[in-house]
C-alpha atoms as a PDB file:
ATOM      1  CA  UNK A   1     -13.501 -20.663   6.672  1.00  0.00           C
ATOM      2  CA  UNK A   2     -12.261 -18.403   3.855  1.00  0.00           C
ATOM      3  CA  UNK A   3     -14.272 -15.474   5.242  1.00  0.00           C
ATOM      4  CA  UNK A   4     -12.640 -15.962   8.644  1.00  0.00           C
ATOM      5  CA  UNK A   5      -9.169 -16.142   7.041  1.00  0.00           C
ATOM      6  CA  UNK A   6      -9.873 -12.915   5.154  1.00  0.00           C
ATOM      7  CA  UNK A   7     -11.052 -11.209   8.337  1.00  0.00           C
ATOM      8  CA  UNK A   8      -7.899 -12.301  10.182  1.00  0.00           C
ATOM      9  CA  UNK A   9      -5.593 -11.068   7.390  1.00  0.00           C
ATOM     10  CA  UNK A  10      -7.382  -7.692   7.346  1.00  0.00           C
ATOM     11  CA  UNK A  11      -6.821  -7.421  11.097  1.00  0.00           C
ATOM     12  CA  UNK A  12      -3.106  -8.304  10.787  1.00  0.00           C
ATOM     13  CA  UNK A  13      -2.479  -5.754   8.020  1.00  0.00           C
ATOM     14  CA  UNK A  14      -4.350  -3.051   9.946  1.00  0.00           C
ATOM     15  CA  UNK A  15      -2.024  -3.572  12.908  1.00  0.00           C
ATOM     16  CA  UNK A  16       1.124  -3.401  10.763  1.00  0.00           C
ATOM     17  CA  UNK A  17      -0.133  -0.231   9.022  1.00  0.00           C
ATOM     18  CA  UNK A  18      -0.351   1.555  12.373  1.00  0.00           C
ATOM     19  CA  UNK A  19       3.445   1.316  12.681  1.00  0.00           C
ATOM     20  CA  UNK A  20       3.948   3.660   9.730  1.00  0.00           C
ATOM     21  CA  UNK A  21       3.367   7.407   9.738  1.00  0.00           C
ATOM     22  CA  UNK A  22       1.455   9.172   6.978  1.00  0.00           C
ATOM     23  CA  UNK A  23       4.766  10.645   5.749  1.00  0.00           C
ATOM     24  CA  UNK A  24       6.430   7.201   5.603  1.00  0.00           C
ATOM     25  CA  UNK A  25       3.487   5.857   3.592  1.00  0.00           C
ATOM     26  CA  UNK A  26       3.663   8.871   1.284  1.00  0.00           C
ATOM     27  CA  UNK A  27       7.364   8.185   0.530  1.00  0.00           C
ATOM     28  CA  UNK A  28       6.558   4.523  -0.171  1.00  0.00           C
ATOM     29  CA  UNK A  29       3.695   5.675  -2.435  1.00  0.00           C
ATOM     30  CA  UNK A  30       6.043   7.771  -4.572  1.00  0.00           C
ATOM     31  CA  UNK A  31       8.163   4.662  -5.270  1.00  0.00           C
ATOM     32  CA  UNK A  32       5.075   2.655  -6.183  1.00  0.00           C
ATOM     33  CA  UNK A  33       3.915   5.224  -8.739  1.00  0.00           C
ATOM     34  CA  UNK A  34       7.402   5.674 -10.201  1.00  0.00           C
ATOM     35  CA  UNK A  35       7.243   1.949 -11.044  1.00  0.00           C
ATOM     36  CA  UNK A  36       3.648   2.105 -12.310  1.00  0.00           C
ATOM     37  CA  UNK A  37       4.489   5.029 -14.617  1.00  0.00           C
ATOM     38  CA  UNK A  38       7.087   2.832 -16.375  1.00  0.00           C
ATOM     39  CA  UNK A  39       4.528   0.161 -17.325  1.00  0.00           C
ATOM     40  CA  UNK A  40       3.819   0.061 -21.083  1.00  0.00           C
ATOM     41  CA  UNK A  41       0.115  -0.343 -20.256  1.00  0.00           C
ATOM     42  CA  UNK A  42       0.185   2.966 -18.412  1.00  0.00           C
ATOM     43  CA  UNK A  43       2.105   4.710 -21.203  1.00  0.00           C
ATOM     44  CA  UNK A  44      -0.504   3.763 -23.810  1.00  0.00           C
ATOM     45  CA  UNK A  45      -3.554   4.334 -21.584  1.00  0.00           C
ATOM     46  CA  UNK A  46      -5.860   7.248 -22.335  1.00  0.00           C
ATOM     47  CA  UNK A  47      -8.495   6.740 -19.639  1.00  0.00           C
ATOM     48  CA  UNK A  48      -7.262   5.716 -16.198  1.00  0.00           C
ATOM     49  CA  UNK A  49      -9.410   4.806 -13.252  1.00  0.00           C
ATOM     50  CA  UNK A  50      -7.729   5.424  -9.908  1.00  0.00           C
ATOM     51  CA  UNK A  51      -9.000   6.324  -6.445  1.00  0.00           C
ATOM     52  CA  UNK A  52      -8.644   9.378  -4.227  1.00  0.00           C
ATOM     53  CA  UNK A  53      -6.774   7.776  -1.337  1.00  0.00           C
ATOM     54  CA  UNK A  54      -7.597   7.709   2.338  1.00  0.00           C
ATOM     55  CA  UNK A  55      -4.763   8.266   4.827  1.00  0.00           C
ATOM     56  CA  UNK A  56      -4.111   4.542   5.333  1.00  0.00           C
ATOM     57  CA  UNK A  57      -3.911   3.695   1.601  1.00  0.00           C
ATOM     58  CA  UNK A  58      -1.227   4.035  -1.057  1.00  0.00           C
ATOM     59  CA  UNK A  59      -1.371   7.788  -1.660  1.00  0.00           C
ATOM     60  CA  UNK A  60      -2.682   8.606  -5.143  1.00  0.00           C
ATOM     61  CA  UNK A  61      -3.079  12.385  -4.894  1.00  0.00           C
ATOM     62  CA  UNK A  62       0.291  13.413  -6.387  1.00  0.00           C
ATOM     63  CA  UNK A  63       0.033  10.777  -9.125  1.00  0.00           C
ATOM     64  CA  UNK A  64      -3.438  11.932 -10.204  1.00  0.00           C
ATOM     65  CA  UNK A  65      -2.509  15.617 -10.048  1.00  0.00           C
ATOM     66  CA  UNK A  66       0.621  14.961 -12.137  1.00  0.00           C
ATOM     67  CA  UNK A  67      -1.143  13.045 -14.903  1.00  0.00           C
ATOM     68  CA  UNK A  68      -4.722  14.352 -15.174  1.00  0.00           C
ATOM     69  CA  UNK A  69      -3.756  17.132 -17.614  1.00  0.00           C
ATOM     70  CA  UNK A  70      -2.539  14.419 -20.042  1.00  0.00           C
ATOM     71  CA  UNK A  71      -4.861  11.502 -19.330  1.00  0.00           C
ATOM     72  CA  UNK A  72      -8.530  11.307 -18.484  1.00  0.00           C
ATOM     73  CA  UNK A  73      -9.016  10.217 -14.856  1.00  0.00           C
ATOM     74  CA  UNK A  74     -12.042   8.452 -13.454  1.00  0.00           C
ATOM     75  CA  UNK A  75     -12.512   8.053  -9.692  1.00  0.00           C
ATOM     76  CA  UNK A  76     -15.054   5.868  -7.890  1.00  0.00           C
ATOM     77  CA  UNK A  77     -17.690   7.031  -5.451  1.00  0.00           C
ATOM     78  CA  UNK A  78     -19.529   4.554  -3.231  1.00  0.00           C
ATOM     79  CA  UNK A  79     -23.271   4.621  -3.874  1.00  0.00           C
ATOM     80  CA  UNK A  80     -25.108   1.924  -1.952  1.00  0.00           C
ATOM     81  CA  UNK A  81     -23.525  -1.409  -2.895  1.00  0.00           C
ATOM     82  CA  UNK A  82     -21.919  -0.152  -6.101  1.00  0.00           C
ATOM     83  CA  UNK A  83     -19.140   2.128  -7.280  1.00  0.00           C
ATOM     84  CA  UNK A  84     -20.373   5.104  -9.267  1.00  0.00           C
ATOM     85  CA  UNK A  85     -17.715   6.494 -11.601  1.00  0.00           C
ATOM     86  CA  UNK A  86     -16.937  10.182 -11.746  1.00  0.00           C
ATOM     87  CA  UNK A  87     -14.540  12.235 -13.814  1.00  0.00           C
ATOM     88  CA  UNK A  88     -11.647  14.079 -12.165  1.00  0.00           C
ATOM     89  CA  UNK A  89     -11.044  17.505 -13.715  1.00  0.00           C
ATOM     90  CA  UNK A  90      -8.994  19.047 -10.904  1.00  0.00           C
ATOM     91  CA  UNK A  91      -9.279  19.552  -7.162  1.00  0.00           C
ATOM     92  CA  UNK A  92     -11.687  22.442  -7.696  1.00  0.00           C
ATOM     93  CA  UNK A  93     -14.173  19.888  -9.062  1.00  0.00           C
ATOM     94  CA  UNK A  94     -14.159  17.825  -5.854  1.00  0.00           C
ATOM     95  CA  UNK A  95     -16.618  17.864  -2.972  1.00  0.00           C
ATOM     96  CA  UNK A  96     -16.852  16.035   0.332  1.00  0.00           C
ATOM     97  CA  UNK A  97     -18.211  12.561  -0.327  1.00  0.00           C
ATOM     98  CA  UNK A  98     -20.951  10.934   1.680  1.00  0.00           C
ATOM     99  CA  UNK A  99     -19.102   7.613   2.069  1.00  0.00           C
ATOM    100  CA  UNK A 100     -15.887   7.232   4.050  1.00  0.00           C
ATOM    101  CA  UNK A 101     -15.423  11.048   4.083  1.00  0.00           C
ATOM    102  CA  UNK A 102     -13.375  10.935   0.880  1.00  0.00           C
ATOM    103  CA  UNK A 103     -13.409  13.886  -1.496  1.00  0.00           C
ATOM    104  CA  UNK A 104     -14.898  12.921  -4.836  1.00  0.00           C
ATOM    105  CA  UNK A 105     -15.468  14.547  -8.216  1.00  0.00           C
ATOM    106  CA  UNK A 106     -18.870  16.079  -8.871  1.00  0.00           C
ATOM    107  CA  UNK A 107     -19.013  15.267 -12.606  1.00  0.00           C
ATOM    108  CA  UNK A 108     -20.356  11.818 -13.540  1.00  0.00           C
ATOM    109  CA  UNK A 109     -18.331   9.670 -15.938  1.00  0.00           C
ATOM    110  CA  UNK A 110     -20.827   8.946 -18.696  1.00  0.00           C
ATOM    111  CA  UNK A 111     -18.741   6.798 -21.063  1.00  0.00           C
ATOM    112  CA  UNK A 112     -18.746   3.022 -20.968  1.00  0.00           C
ATOM    113  CA  UNK A 113     -16.616   1.206 -18.404  1.00  0.00           C
ATOM    114  CA  UNK A 114     -15.234  -0.634 -21.430  1.00  0.00           C
ATOM    115  CA  UNK A 115     -13.433   2.559 -22.506  1.00  0.00           C
ATOM    116  CA  UNK A 116     -11.245   2.563 -19.399  1.00  0.00           C
ATOM    117  CA  UNK A 117      -7.751   1.385 -20.332  1.00  0.00           C
ATOM    118  CA  UNK A 118      -6.114   0.922 -16.936  1.00  0.00           C
ATOM    119  CA  UNK A 119      -7.423   0.659 -13.375  1.00  0.00           C
ATOM    120  CA  UNK A 120      -5.299   1.398 -10.308  1.00  0.00           C
ATOM    121  CA  UNK A 121      -6.791  -0.859  -7.637  1.00  0.00           C
ATOM    122  CA  UNK A 122      -6.342  -0.430  -3.887  1.00  0.00           C
ATOM    123  CA  UNK A 123      -6.403  -3.375  -1.532  1.00  0.00           C
ATOM    124  CA  UNK A 124      -5.741  -4.522   1.994  1.00  0.00           C
ATOM    125  CA  UNK A 125      -3.359  -7.247   0.753  1.00  0.00           C
ATOM    126  CA  UNK A 126      -2.064  -8.831  -2.456  1.00  0.00           C
ATOM    127  CA  UNK A 127      -0.016 -11.946  -3.187  1.00  0.00           C
ATOM    128  CA  UNK A 128       2.408 -13.258  -5.815  1.00  0.00           C
ATOM    129  CA  UNK A 129      -0.458 -14.916  -7.689  1.00  0.00           C
ATOM    130  CA  UNK A 130      -2.015 -11.451  -8.207  1.00  0.00           C
ATOM    131  CA  UNK A 131      -4.861 -12.135  -5.792  1.00  0.00           C
ATOM    132  CA  UNK A 132      -6.355  -9.188  -3.944  1.00  0.00           C
ATOM    133  CA  UNK A 133      -8.005  -8.807  -0.566  1.00  0.00           C
ATOM    134  CA  UNK A 134     -10.261  -5.772  -0.336  1.00  0.00           C
ATOM    135  CA  UNK A 135     -12.064  -4.233   2.612  1.00  0.00           C
ATOM    136  CA  UNK A 136     -14.851  -6.789   2.368  1.00  0.00           C
ATOM    137  CA  UNK A 137     -17.686  -5.053   0.536  1.00  0.00           C
ATOM    138  CA  UNK A 138     -16.804  -6.379  -2.975  1.00  0.00           C
ATOM    139  CA  UNK A 139     -17.210  -2.919  -4.550  1.00  0.00           C
ATOM    140  CA  UNK A 140     -14.168  -3.387  -6.769  1.00  0.00           C
ATOM    141  CA  UNK A 141     -14.801  -7.053  -7.598  1.00  0.00           C
ATOM    142  CA  UNK A 142     -18.251  -6.150  -8.968  1.00  0.00           C
ATOM    143  CA  UNK A 143     -16.791  -3.383 -11.136  1.00  0.00           C
ATOM    144  CA  UNK A 144     -13.694  -5.300 -12.274  1.00  0.00           C
ATOM    145  CA  UNK A 145     -15.739  -8.277 -13.514  1.00  0.00           C
ATOM    146  CA  UNK A 146     -17.298  -5.994 -16.130  1.00  0.00           C
ATOM    147  CA  UNK A 147     -14.143  -4.575 -17.680  1.00  0.00           C
ATOM    148  CA  UNK A 148     -11.236  -5.629 -19.865  1.00  0.00           C
ATOM    149  CA  UNK A 149      -9.036  -2.810 -18.512  1.00  0.00           C
ATOM    150  CA  UNK A 150      -5.515  -3.628 -17.330  1.00  0.00           C
ATOM    151  CA  UNK A 151      -5.812  -3.998 -13.546  1.00  0.00           C
ATOM    152  CA  UNK A 152      -2.862  -2.816 -11.439  1.00  0.00           C
ATOM    153  CA  UNK A 153      -2.995  -3.550  -7.733  1.00  0.00           C
ATOM    154  CA  UNK A 154      -0.968  -1.117  -5.630  1.00  0.00           C
ATOM    155  CA  UNK A 155       0.223  -1.843  -2.108  1.00  0.00           C
ATOM    156  CA  UNK A 156       2.931  -1.182   0.427  1.00  0.00           C
ATOM    157  CA  UNK A 157       5.568  -3.904   0.850  1.00  0.00           C
ATOM    158  CA  UNK A 158       4.009  -5.005   4.159  1.00  0.00           C
ATOM    159  CA  UNK A 159       0.694  -5.617   2.330  1.00  0.00           C
ATOM    160  CA  UNK A 160       2.301  -8.046  -0.121  1.00  0.00           C
ATOM    161  CA  UNK A 161       1.815 -11.431   1.533  1.00  0.00           C
ATOM    162  CA  UNK A 162       2.508 -15.074   0.751  1.00  0.00           C
ATOM    163  CA  UNK A 163      -1.138 -16.044   0.282  1.00  0.00           C
ATOM    164  CA  UNK A 164      -4.439 -14.157   0.023  1.00  0.00           C
ATOM    165  CA  UNK A 165      -7.509 -16.329   0.707  1.00  0.00           C
ATOM    166  CA  UNK A 166      -9.902 -16.129  -2.243  1.00  0.00           C
ATOM    167  CA  UNK A 167     -13.283 -17.328  -3.408  1.00  0.00           C
ATOM    168  CA  UNK A 168     -14.959 -17.452  -6.828  1.00  0.00           C
ATOM    169  CA  UNK A 169     -16.063 -13.792  -6.614  1.00  0.00           C
ATOM    170  CA  UNK A 170     -12.553 -12.349  -6.220  1.00  0.00           C
ATOM    171  CA  UNK A 171     -10.975 -10.800  -9.324  1.00  0.00           C
ATOM    172  CA  UNK A 172      -7.236 -11.234  -9.957  1.00  0.00           C
ATOM    173  CA  UNK A 173      -5.020  -8.329 -10.930  1.00  0.00           C
ATOM    174  CA  UNK A 174      -2.983  -8.255 -14.138  1.00  0.00           C
ATOM    175  CA  UNK A 175      -0.051  -6.806 -12.192  1.00  0.00           C
ATOM    176  CA  UNK A 176       0.765  -5.839  -8.592  1.00  0.00           C
ATOM    177  CA  UNK A 177       3.123  -2.925  -7.864  1.00  0.00           C
ATOM    178  CA  UNK A 178       4.718  -2.416  -4.463  1.00  0.00           C
ATOM    179  CA  UNK A 179       7.556  -0.258  -3.133  1.00  0.00           C
END
């Protein structure tokens, strides 16, 4: 039943997303990151894991490009059923990824996941109880279970819903930021 509820919520959010242009989502993304940048957890973080966004996600490109000279950025790459972590050192260090067609850094992140201070987490939907609905492959849940990093879910206002169906494998966020 929960799996069906998750599938239905994914479908609903996908339909709402289609109503917004890339430019509208980019403007909303700027507001989200202006809020995130004010978090004390972000201010004190040294190593930040984020993601190089796809067109339908909260846009991270400007945020990463703004902060990578000051903070160390780690971006995920899908490898099989896991997320492989790579270090962002500028757009010149990116290549076309094999999964989802997303550009990804070439250089592997070789430090421990435990050294990551803050993780910017994408999602299909979030709720007031800091629950997250992902795309359904559990890539992030597997990674987030193994870290003590501060987890910040980012989403557009239309992705912030009353209730996200969850099961025992879903990892809660420490904070959810929306526009």
